[in-house]
Amino acid sequence: MLMMLFILIIAVILSVFPRSADANELCITPSASVQQQYNSNILLNTDDVLTTGFTESDFITIVSAGVEMNNRTERLDSNVIARLDRIEYLENRDMSDTDHLYRGRFRYRVTPLLAVSGRAGYQKRTNPAIDYGMPFQIPPGTIILPPLVPPPGTPGGGPGTGTPGDGQPQPPKAEGPLPVINVPRNTVSGAFSMDLQVTEKASTSVAYSYDRNYYSDERYTDDEAHDMRAGLEYDLGQHLPLTKGRIHVGYSAFDFESSQDNTVYGGIGFSRALNELWTVYVDGGIRHTSTELWTTECVPLNPPDALPCKVVRKTLTDDNWDWLGGISMSYGGEYFTTSVSYNRSFAAASGLSGATVRDSLAVSGQYRFTRTLSAILTTGYYSYRSDAFASSVYAIEQENLFINPGVRYEFSRDVALEASYGYAWVTSCSSSGSSARAGCDEADADRHLVSVR
């Protein structure tokens, strides 16, 4: 709370006495906002989830204070942001807490042809399902996934009275859906890249990125992701006007408590400006993923009797191929802007204890009625799927849908009022079989959110 007050005071002082250095284009910008929300389902509860002591719907006040610093020189472009968001619940006061965001980036032009850039950040979300601005989407993997416990006869499981099965390693069983979004999630991220203009028409780049999500509750699995890629872009204007082609290759690794996924991928793509208003992007490629899974098996000591048995650790391996790709179109007019995109990727879904195939479809648009008044619409659908023993220990199937219309009025360049409505729906399927679709413990929830800030 003291840190929140300190940043708020600094923001007010800087707004009254701004400082800038024109030679270096140094600009320090304070910011402050107040937002009022009505949330119909703050923990995305399902009918079969008991949350004793909590009120399902609540009014939420979010007070934000931050400072942003931009510095531009002939060679350097840098940005640093620090922000605190105090979240106060009217009914569920015990859930009131403060979110943190610290983020920085830079781009430095070493020579006229060579540039390096990097970014780093830390974010703490005390309730990942509570969003502060459009779109009010639900983050992947942070919802109604049933807690996973070992089967009977394994360490940490129930009484050893069950049958170990057919001798194959068994994924943990699910016990009753439990919302995990009330567990704070911490995210650490960073990236570094180099861009080189090889010729007038060709440029190349190499990049590395790192992301880590960790929870303050040992029931939920932390995850770590590394990605390295290299690409080449070439201007095809001589043969195809306003068209650029590209090719890329890469390697990514996802580390979880019970699994590790190593993926090699590659693809080609192009972008084309159809006219002054429309632009289209198309990408396609393939990936190969090698997975190691660590699980346990209860081996009978006196076959064919199931018990007694000895618990042994098993390492399973799997290799699979899949396609990756995406297509998007954007329109930028004087009063109306919009974009439509579809993307298929292989990524870590934080909280789902594994890597998944992610399909996403998103539509966004903004219409400006006047210079100060505009309407906004964002909507999207996301799915995360993975079979057990393919790229995660558990079979995963999760679908998210959100729709968010809103209006925005700008009193000045620095002051604006925004009102919006958000609807979000999620269904999550957990299965101990090899496929989430073949018999699963399904749970779904939805949420209505009205916001003014």
Protein backbone atom coordinates (compact mmCIF):
# COMPACT_ATOMS: atom_id res chain seq x y z
CA MET A 1 0.00 0.00 0.00
CA LEU A 2 2.90 2.37 0.78
CA MET A 3 4.45 1.67 -2.64
CA MET A 4 1.11 2.40 -4.27
CA LEU A 5 0.89 5.74 -2.42
CA PHE A 6 4.50 6.60 -3.31
CA ILE A 7 4.00 6.05 -7.05
CA LEU A 8 0.71 7.99 -6.95
CA ILE A 9 2.45 10.97 -5.29
CA ILE A 10 5.29 10.89 -7.82
CA ALA A 11 2.75 10.74 -10.67
CA VAL A 12 0.95 13.83 -9.35
CA ILE A 13 4.20 15.78 -8.82
CA LEU A 14 5.47 14.96 -12.31
CA SER A 15 2.16 15.94 -13.86
CA VAL A 16 2.40 19.39 -12.21
CA PHE A 17 6.11 19.85 -12.89
CA PRO A 18 6.90 17.92 -16.10
CA ARG A 19 10.52 17.49 -17.08
CA SER A 20 11.87 16.94 -20.56
CA ALA A 21 15.19 17.17 -22.35
CA ASP A 22 14.53 18.18 -25.92
CA ALA A 23 18.01 17.25 -27.16
CA ASN A 24 17.55 13.63 -26.16
CA GLU A 25 13.76 13.60 -26.36
CA LEU A 26 13.53 12.41 -22.77
CA CYS A 27 9.94 12.35 -21.56
CA ILE A 28 8.60 11.23 -18.18
CA THR A 29 4.85 10.71 -18.19
CA PRO A 30 2.83 9.99 -15.05
CA SER A 31 -0.51 8.23 -15.26
CA ALA A 32 -3.41 7.60 -12.94
CA SER A 33 -6.80 6.00 -13.45
CA VAL A 34 -9.83 4.85 -11.51
CA GLN A 35 -12.02 2.04 -12.78
CA GLN A 36 -15.29 0.65 -11.43
CA GLN A 37 -16.40 -2.86 -12.41
CA TYR A 38 -19.34 -5.12 -11.80
CA ASN A 39 -18.24 -8.73 -12.20
CA SER A 40 -20.90 -11.46 -12.16
CA ASN A 41 -18.44 -14.30 -11.49
CA ILE A 42 -15.15 -13.15 -10.00
CA LEU A 43 -13.76 -16.70 -9.58
CA LEU A 44 -15.41 -18.21 -12.67
CA ASN A 45 -17.25 -20.67 -10.45
CA THR A 46 -19.14 -23.62 -11.84
CA ASP A 47 -22.27 -25.06 -10.23
CA ASP A 48 -20.32 -27.91 -8.63
CA VAL A 49 -17.61 -25.75 -7.05
CA LEU A 50 -17.90 -24.75 -3.43
CA THR A 51 -16.28 -21.43 -2.49
CA THR A 52 -17.27 -21.01 1.14
CA GLY A 53 -16.78 -17.48 2.34
CA PHE A 54 -16.83 -15.85 -1.10
CA THR A 55 -19.54 -13.93 -2.92
CA GLU A 56 -19.76 -14.98 -6.56
CA SER A 57 -20.53 -11.50 -7.94
CA ASP A 58 -18.97 -8.30 -6.71
CA PHE A 59 -18.27 -4.63 -7.39
CA ILE A 60 -14.56 -4.00 -7.90
CA THR A 61 -12.69 -0.70 -7.73
CA ILE A 62 -9.29 -0.55 -9.43
CA VAL A 63 -7.00 2.41 -8.72
CA SER A 64 -3.90 2.53 -10.92
CA ALA A 65 -0.84 4.74 -10.68
CA GLY A 66 2.27 4.56 -12.78
CA VAL A 67 5.18 6.30 -14.42
CA GLU A 68 6.46 5.84 -17.97
CA MET A 69 9.81 7.10 -19.25
CA ASN A 70 10.67 7.38 -22.94
CA ASN A 71 14.14 8.31 -24.12
CA ARG A 72 14.99 8.79 -27.79
CA THR A 73 18.34 9.76 -29.23
CA GLU A 74 19.82 9.41 -32.68
CA ARG A 75 20.62 5.77 -31.99
CA LEU A 76 18.71 4.75 -28.87
CA ASP A 77 14.99 4.28 -28.30
CA SER A 78 14.09 3.10 -24.80
CA ASN A 79 10.98 2.82 -22.65
CA VAL A 80 10.44 1.95 -18.97
CA ILE A 81 7.07 1.50 -17.25
CA ALA A 82 6.27 0.97 -13.57
CA ARG A 83 2.64 0.61 -12.47
CA LEU A 84 0.67 -0.57 -9.46
CA ASP A 85 -3.00 -1.52 -9.59
CA ARG A 86 -4.86 -1.62 -6.30
CA ILE A 87 -7.87 -3.94 -6.54
CA GLU A 88 -10.58 -3.44 -3.92
CA TYR A 89 -13.57 -5.81 -3.69
CA LEU A 90 -16.74 -4.48 -2.09
CA GLU A 91 -17.97 -7.82 -0.66
CA ASN A 92 -14.89 -10.06 -0.82
CA ARG A 93 -12.56 -7.72 1.04
CA ASP A 94 -10.13 -10.51 1.92
CA MET A 95 -9.31 -10.82 -1.79
CA SER A 96 -8.27 -7.16 -2.11
CA ASP A 97 -4.65 -6.91 -3.18
CA THR A 98 -2.18 -5.02 -5.37
CA ASP A 99 -0.95 -6.05 -8.81
CA HIS A 100 2.53 -5.09 -9.99
CA LEU A 101 3.86 -4.33 -13.48
CA TYR A 102 7.48 -3.43 -14.29
CA ARG A 103 8.59 -3.46 -17.89
CA GLY A 104 11.43 -2.06 -19.97
CA ARG A 105 12.59 -2.24 -23.56
CA PHE A 106 15.26 -0.70 -25.77
CA ARG A 107 16.39 -0.59 -29.39
CA TYR A 108 19.90 0.55 -30.25
CA ARG A 109 21.16 1.15 -33.78
CA VAL A 110 24.80 0.04 -33.73
CA THR A 111 25.32 1.00 -37.37
CA PRO A 112 22.94 2.22 -40.09
CA LEU A 113 22.44 -1.44 -41.04
CA LEU A 114 22.62 -3.23 -37.66
CA ALA A 115 20.26 -2.81 -34.70
CA VAL A 116 19.90 -4.67 -31.40
CA SER A 117 16.89 -4.66 -29.13
CA GLY A 118 15.80 -6.20 -25.87
CA ARG A 119 13.02 -6.24 -23.32
CA ALA A 120 12.47 -7.47 -19.75
CA GLY A 121 9.56 -7.44 -17.39
CA TYR A 122 7.88 -8.71 -14.25
CA GLN A 123 4.16 -8.89 -13.58
CA LYS A 124 2.15 -10.12 -10.62
CA ARG A 125 -1.55 -10.81 -11.12
CA THR A 126 -3.37 -11.51 -7.88
CA ASN A 127 -6.44 -12.66 -9.82
CA PRO A 128 -5.57 -13.33 -13.49
CA ALA A 129 -9.23 -13.32 -14.54
CA ILE A 130 -9.70 -9.70 -13.43
CA ASP A 131 -8.73 -7.53 -16.38
CA TYR A 132 -8.51 -3.75 -16.40
CA GLY A 133 -8.95 -2.85 -20.06
CA MET A 134 -10.38 -4.20 -23.27
CA PRO A 135 -10.41 -6.94 -24.24
CA PHE A 136 -11.64 -8.56 -21.04
CA GLN A 137 -10.48 -12.00 -22.13
CA ILE A 138 -9.73 -14.95 -19.87
CA PRO A 139 -6.04 -15.92 -19.76
CA PRO A 140 -5.32 -19.52 -20.79
CA GLY A 141 -4.91 -22.18 -18.18
CA THR A 142 -5.92 -20.06 -15.21
CA ILE A 143 -9.47 -21.32 -14.87
CA ILE A 144 -11.61 -24.18 -13.56
CA LEU A 145 -9.12 -26.93 -14.32
CA PRO A 146 -9.69 -29.77 -11.83
CA PRO A 147 -6.80 -30.27 -9.40
CA LEU A 148 -4.81 -33.35 -10.38
CA VAL A 149 -3.84 -35.94 -7.77
CA PRO A 150 -1.89 -39.18 -8.12
CA PRO A 151 -3.87 -42.42 -8.49
CA PRO A 152 -4.22 -44.83 -5.54
CA GLY A 153 -1.02 -46.64 -4.66
CA THR A 154 1.30 -43.82 -5.73
CA PRO A 155 3.04 -41.27 -3.52
CA GLY A 156 0.60 -38.63 -2.39
CA GLY A 157 -2.39 -40.57 -3.63
CA GLY A 158 -5.27 -42.18 -1.84
CA PRO A 159 -5.30 -45.51 -0.02
CA GLY A 160 -3.58 -48.28 -1.91
CA THR A 161 -6.74 -50.20 -2.56
CA GLY A 162 -7.12 -49.53 -6.25
CA THR A 163 -6.06 -51.63 -9.20
CA PRO A 164 -2.95 -50.28 -10.90
CA GLY A 165 -4.45 -50.94 -14.31
CA ASP A 166 -2.92 -52.85 -17.18
CA GLY A 167 0.69 -52.15 -16.27
CA GLN A 168 0.81 -48.88 -18.23
CA PRO A 169 1.67 -45.61 -16.48
CA GLN A 170 -1.49 -43.86 -15.38
CA PRO A 171 -2.00 -40.10 -15.45
CA PRO A 172 -3.21 -38.49 -12.24
CA LYS A 173 -6.95 -38.55 -11.67
CA ALA A 174 -9.08 -35.45 -11.36
CA GLU A 175 -11.01 -34.60 -8.22
CA GLY A 176 -13.78 -32.01 -8.58
CA PRO A 177 -13.27 -28.77 -10.51
CA LEU A 178 -11.46 -26.06 -8.60
CA PRO A 179 -10.94 -22.49 -9.84
CA VAL A 180 -7.26 -21.62 -9.77
CA ILE A 181 -7.59 -17.97 -10.74
CA ASN A 182 -7.66 -16.83 -7.11
CA VAL A 183 -4.04 -18.00 -6.81
CA PRO A 184 -1.61 -15.17 -7.74
CA ARG A 185 0.43 -15.74 -10.88
CA ASN A 186 3.89 -14.22 -11.31
CA THR A 187 5.38 -13.77 -14.77
CA VAL A 188 9.01 -13.03 -15.63
CA SER A 189 9.85 -12.39 -19.28
CA GLY A 190 12.76 -11.23 -21.40
CA ALA A 191 13.97 -11.14 -24.99
CA PHE A 192 16.93 -10.09 -27.13
CA SER A 193 17.18 -9.73 -30.91
CA MET A 194 19.44 -8.46 -33.70
CA ASP A 195 18.31 -7.13 -37.09
CA LEU A 196 20.65 -6.71 -40.05
CA GLN A 197 19.86 -5.08 -43.39
CA VAL A 198 21.84 -7.32 -45.72
CA THR A 199 20.96 -5.61 -49.00
CA GLU A 200 18.50 -2.97 -50.14
CA LYS A 201 15.78 -5.63 -50.40
CA ALA A 202 16.87 -8.31 -47.91
CA SER A 203 17.05 -8.23 -44.13
CA THR A 204 17.73 -10.94 -41.56
CA SER A 205 17.10 -11.30 -37.83
CA VAL A 206 17.87 -13.58 -34.90
CA ALA A 207 15.97 -13.54 -31.61
CA TYR A 208 15.75 -15.25 -28.22
CA SER A 209 12.89 -15.00 -25.73
CA TYR A 210 12.28 -16.32 -22.22
CA ASP A 211 9.07 -16.59 -20.20
CA ARG A 212 8.44 -18.06 -16.76
CA ASN A 213 5.15 -18.34 -14.88
CA TYR A 214 5.10 -19.37 -11.26
CA TYR A 215 2.42 -19.60 -8.60
CA SER A 216 2.40 -19.04 -4.86
CA ASP A 217 0.56 -22.36 -4.42
CA GLU A 218 2.36 -25.68 -4.86
CA ARG A 219 -0.82 -27.31 -6.21
CA TYR A 220 -0.31 -25.50 -9.50
CA THR A 221 2.50 -26.21 -11.88
CA ASP A 222 5.09 -23.60 -12.78
CA ASP A 223 6.29 -23.41 -16.37
CA GLU A 224 9.29 -22.08 -18.25
CA ALA A 225 9.64 -21.39 -21.98
CA HIS A 226 12.64 -20.68 -24.21
CA ASP A 227 12.42 -19.76 -27.88
CA MET A 228 15.17 -19.10 -30.44
CA ARG A 229 14.50 -18.20 -34.05
CA ALA A 230 16.14 -16.79 -37.16
CA GLY A 231 14.45 -15.31 -40.20
CA LEU A 232 15.02 -13.72 -43.58
CA GLU A 233 12.72 -11.19 -45.25
CA TYR A 234 12.93 -10.18 -48.91
CA ASP A 235 11.13 -7.45 -50.82
CA LEU A 236 9.43 -9.05 -53.85
CA GLY A 237 8.30 -5.73 -55.26
CA GLN A 238 10.20 -6.30 -58.51
CA HIS A 239 7.98 -9.30 -59.29
CA LEU A 240 4.94 -8.74 -57.02
CA PRO A 241 4.17 -5.10 -56.18
CA LEU A 242 3.88 -4.22 -52.49
CA THR A 243 4.73 -7.77 -51.44
CA LYS A 244 7.35 -9.09 -49.01
CA GLY A 245 8.27 -12.75 -48.53
CA ARG A 246 9.84 -14.32 -45.46
CA ILE A 247 11.24 -17.59 -44.18
CA HIS A 248 12.02 -18.58 -40.62
CA VAL A 249 13.33 -21.50 -38.54
CA GLY A 250 13.36 -21.91 -34.80
CA TYR A 251 13.66 -24.03 -31.68
CA SER A 252 11.55 -23.84 -28.52
CA ALA A 253 11.60 -25.66 -25.19
CA PHE A 254 8.84 -25.85 -22.57
CA ASP A 255 9.70 -27.11 -19.09
CA PHE A 256 7.08 -28.31 -16.60
CA GLU A 257 7.30 -30.25 -13.37
CA SER A 258 6.31 -33.52 -15.08
CA SER A 259 7.25 -32.98 -18.71
CA GLN A 260 9.57 -31.30 -21.18
CA ASP A 261 8.77 -30.44 -24.80
CA ASN A 262 11.43 -29.66 -27.40
CA THR A 263 10.18 -28.34 -30.72
CA VAL A 264 11.90 -27.56 -34.01
CA TYR A 265 9.84 -25.57 -36.48
CA GLY A 266 10.07 -23.70 -39.75
CA GLY A 267 7.86 -21.92 -42.23
CA ILE A 268 7.39 -19.39 -44.98
CA GLY A 269 5.05 -16.46 -45.40
CA PHE A 270 4.31 -13.19 -47.12
CA SER A 271 2.65 -9.84 -46.55
CA ARG A 272 0.97 -7.74 -49.21
CA ALA A 273 -0.58 -4.32 -49.21
CA LEU A 274 -3.68 -4.76 -51.37
CA ASN A 275 -4.17 -0.99 -51.45
CA GLU A 276 -3.70 1.98 -49.16
CA LEU A 277 -6.26 0.58 -46.70
CA TRP A 278 -6.04 -3.24 -46.78
CA THR A 279 -3.05 -5.42 -45.83
CA VAL A 280 -2.92 -9.22 -45.69
CA TYR A 281 -0.43 -11.51 -43.90
CA VAL A 282 -0.13 -15.26 -44.52
CA ASP A 283 2.23 -17.75 -42.82
CA GLY A 284 2.50 -21.53 -42.89
CA GLY A 285 4.92 -24.18 -41.66
CA ILE A 286 5.50 -27.41 -39.79
CA ARG A 287 6.87 -28.43 -36.43
CA HIS A 288 8.36 -31.55 -34.86
CA THR A 289 8.01 -32.00 -31.10
CA SER A 290 9.89 -34.44 -28.90
CA THR A 291 8.40 -34.91 -25.46
CA GLU A 292 9.64 -36.53 -22.26
CA LEU A 293 7.08 -37.29 -19.56
CA TRP A 294 7.83 -38.39 -16.02
CA THR A 295 5.18 -40.40 -14.23
CA THR A 296 4.87 -43.35 -11.85
CA GLU A 297 3.64 -46.92 -12.15
CA CYS A 298 2.57 -49.34 -9.44
CA VAL A 299 4.21 -52.67 -10.37
CA PRO A 300 2.65 -55.74 -8.63
CA LEU A 301 5.08 -57.66 -6.43
CA ASN A 302 3.11 -60.92 -6.70
CA PRO A 303 1.49 -61.03 -10.14
CA PRO A 304 -1.30 -61.47 -11.04
CA ASP A 305 -2.36 -59.93 -7.70
CA ALA A 306 -2.53 -56.17 -8.02
CA LEU A 307 -1.42 -55.59 -4.46
CA PRO A 308 1.02 -55.26 -2.89
CA CYS A 309 2.88 -53.24 -5.46
CA LYS A 310 6.02 -51.16 -5.79
CA VAL A 311 5.92 -47.60 -7.12
CA VAL A 312 8.53 -46.99 -9.81
CA ARG A 313 9.28 -43.87 -11.80
CA LYS A 314 8.72 -44.10 -15.54
CA THR A 315 10.01 -41.93 -18.37
CA LEU A 316 7.88 -41.85 -21.49
CA THR A 317 8.86 -40.34 -24.82
CA ASP A 318 6.76 -39.22 -27.74
CA ASP A 319 7.40 -37.60 -31.14
CA ASN A 320 4.77 -35.89 -33.24
CA TRP A 321 4.42 -33.63 -36.26
CA ASP A 322 1.89 -30.88 -36.83
CA TRP A 323 1.31 -27.82 -38.95
CA LEU A 324 1.55 -24.19 -37.89
CA GLY A 325 0.24 -21.12 -39.62
CA GLY A 326 -1.87 -18.04 -39.64
CA ILE A 327 -3.66 -15.51 -41.77
CA SER A 328 -4.71 -11.98 -40.95
CA MET A 329 -6.20 -8.98 -42.69
CA SER A 330 -6.22 -5.40 -41.48
CA TYR A 331 -8.05 -2.30 -42.67
CA GLY A 332 -7.06 1.21 -41.72
CA GLY A 333 -9.38 3.99 -42.81
CA GLU A 334 -9.85 7.52 -41.59
CA TYR A 335 -12.82 6.69 -39.37
CA PHE A 336 -12.87 2.90 -39.25
CA THR A 337 -10.10 0.40 -38.47
CA THR A 338 -10.44 -3.37 -38.12
CA SER A 339 -8.44 -6.60 -38.17
CA VAL A 340 -9.32 -10.27 -38.49
CA SER A 341 -6.84 -13.04 -37.74
CA TYR A 342 -6.53 -16.80 -37.32
CA ASN A 343 -3.45 -18.42 -35.85
CA ARG A 344 -2.34 -21.97 -34.99
CA SER A 345 0.69 -22.42 -32.75
CA PHE A 346 2.29 -24.71 -30.18
CA ALA A 347 2.67 -22.98 -26.85
CA ALA A 348 2.70 -23.39 -23.10
CA ALA A 349 -0.66 -22.81 -21.44
CA SER A 350 0.19 -21.53 -17.98
CA GLY A 351 -1.55 -23.55 -15.29
CA LEU A 352 -2.51 -26.48 -17.54
CA SER A 353 0.64 -28.46 -16.71
CA GLY A 354 1.70 -28.92 -20.31
CA ALA A 355 2.21 -27.53 -23.77
CA THR A 356 -0.78 -27.43 -26.08
CA VAL A 357 -1.83 -26.82 -29.66
CA ARG A 358 -3.41 -23.37 -29.63
CA ASP A 359 -5.94 -22.21 -32.23
CA SER A 360 -7.15 -18.63 -32.06
CA LEU A 361 -9.60 -16.51 -34.02
CA ALA A 362 -9.80 -12.80 -33.21
CA VAL A 363 -11.72 -9.82 -34.58
CA SER A 364 -11.31 -6.22 -33.48
CA GLY A 365 -12.54 -2.89 -34.76
CA GLN A 366 -12.90 0.77 -33.89
CA TYR A 367 -15.20 3.36 -35.44
CA ARG A 368 -14.59 7.05 -34.77
CA PHE A 369 -17.85 9.02 -34.83
CA THR A 370 -16.10 12.30 -34.13
CA ARG A 371 -12.60 13.37 -33.21
CA THR A 372 -13.33 12.60 -29.55
CA LEU A 373 -16.00 9.85 -29.59
CA SER A 374 -15.43 6.29 -30.82
CA ALA A 375 -16.91 2.80 -30.51
CA ILE A 376 -14.76 -0.30 -29.94
CA LEU A 377 -15.45 -3.99 -30.42
CA THR A 378 -13.14 -6.93 -29.69
CA THR A 379 -14.05 -10.59 -29.81
CA GLY A 380 -12.10 -13.82 -29.93
CA TYR A 381 -12.15 -17.58 -29.60
CA TYR A 382 -9.23 -19.66 -28.32
CA SER A 383 -8.80 -23.41 -27.92
CA TYR A 384 -6.01 -25.34 -26.21
CA ARG A 385 -5.72 -29.07 -26.85
CA SER A 386 -3.25 -31.80 -26.00
CA ASP A 387 -3.57 -35.56 -25.64
CA ALA A 388 -2.09 -37.31 -22.62
CA PHE A 389 1.43 -38.66 -23.24
CA ALA A 390 1.67 -36.55 -26.43
CA SER A 391 2.88 -33.19 -25.14
CA SER A 392 1.62 -33.21 -21.55
CA VAL A 393 1.03 -35.68 -18.74
CA TYR A 394 -2.70 -35.00 -18.78
CA ALA A 395 -5.19 -34.77 -21.60
CA ILE A 396 -6.11 -31.12 -22.02
CA GLU A 397 -8.99 -29.45 -23.81
CA GLN A 398 -9.99 -25.89 -23.06
CA GLU A 399 -12.02 -23.35 -25.02
CA ASN A 400 -12.37 -19.61 -24.35
CA LEU A 401 -14.75 -17.10 -25.91
CA PHE A 402 -15.01 -13.38 -25.20
CA ILE A 403 -17.03 -10.49 -26.65
CA ASN A 404 -16.37 -6.89 -25.62
CA PRO A 405 -18.16 -3.82 -27.03
CA GLY A 406 -17.42 -0.38 -25.63
CA VAL A 407 -17.36 3.38 -26.18
CA ARG A 408 -14.59 5.88 -25.53
CA TYR A 409 -14.70 9.67 -25.18
CA GLU A 410 -11.48 11.69 -25.15
CA PHE A 411 -11.73 15.01 -23.30
CA SER A 412 -8.13 15.79 -24.24
CA ARG A 413 -4.99 13.98 -25.32
CA ASP A 414 -4.35 12.97 -21.70
CA VAL A 415 -7.87 12.49 -20.28
CA ALA A 416 -10.46 9.98 -21.48
CA LEU A 417 -13.58 8.15 -20.26
CA GLU A 418 -14.31 4.58 -21.35
CA ALA A 419 -17.37 2.39 -20.74
CA SER A 420 -17.56 -1.24 -21.83
CA TYR A 421 -19.33 -4.55 -21.41
CA GLY A 422 -17.60 -7.90 -21.46
CA TYR A 423 -18.88 -11.44 -21.76
CA ALA A 424 -16.54 -14.40 -21.33
CA TRP A 425 -17.21 -18.14 -21.48
CA VAL A 426 -14.81 -20.99 -20.83
CA THR A 427 -15.10 -24.76 -20.87
CA SER A 428 -12.37 -27.02 -19.55
CA CYS A 429 -12.04 -30.77 -19.95
CA SER A 430 -9.71 -32.95 -17.89
CA SER A 431 -9.25 -36.63 -18.59
CA SER A 432 -7.11 -39.46 -17.28
CA GLY A 433 -7.34 -41.21 -20.64
CA SER A 434 -5.16 -40.65 -23.67
CA SER A 435 -7.56 -38.10 -25.14
CA ALA A 436 -9.54 -35.32 -23.50
CA ARG A 437 -12.41 -35.96 -25.87
CA ALA A 438 -12.77 -39.61 -24.88
CA GLY A 439 -14.60 -39.28 -21.58
CA CYS A 440 -13.65 -36.33 -19.44
CA ASP A 441 -14.61 -34.32 -16.39
CA GLU A 442 -16.02 -31.24 -18.10
CA ALA A 443 -16.70 -27.93 -16.41
CA ASP A 444 -17.75 -24.62 -17.86
CA ALA A 445 -18.41 -21.13 -16.56
CA ASP A 446 -19.28 -17.70 -17.87
CA ARG A 447 -18.93 -14.13 -16.72
CA HIS A 448 -20.57 -10.75 -17.36
CA LEU A 449 -18.54 -7.63 -16.69
CA VAL A 450 -19.55 -3.97 -16.86
CA SER A 451 -16.77 -1.42 -16.54
CA VAL A 452 -16.37 2.36 -16.42
CA ARG A 453 -12.99 4.05 -16.18
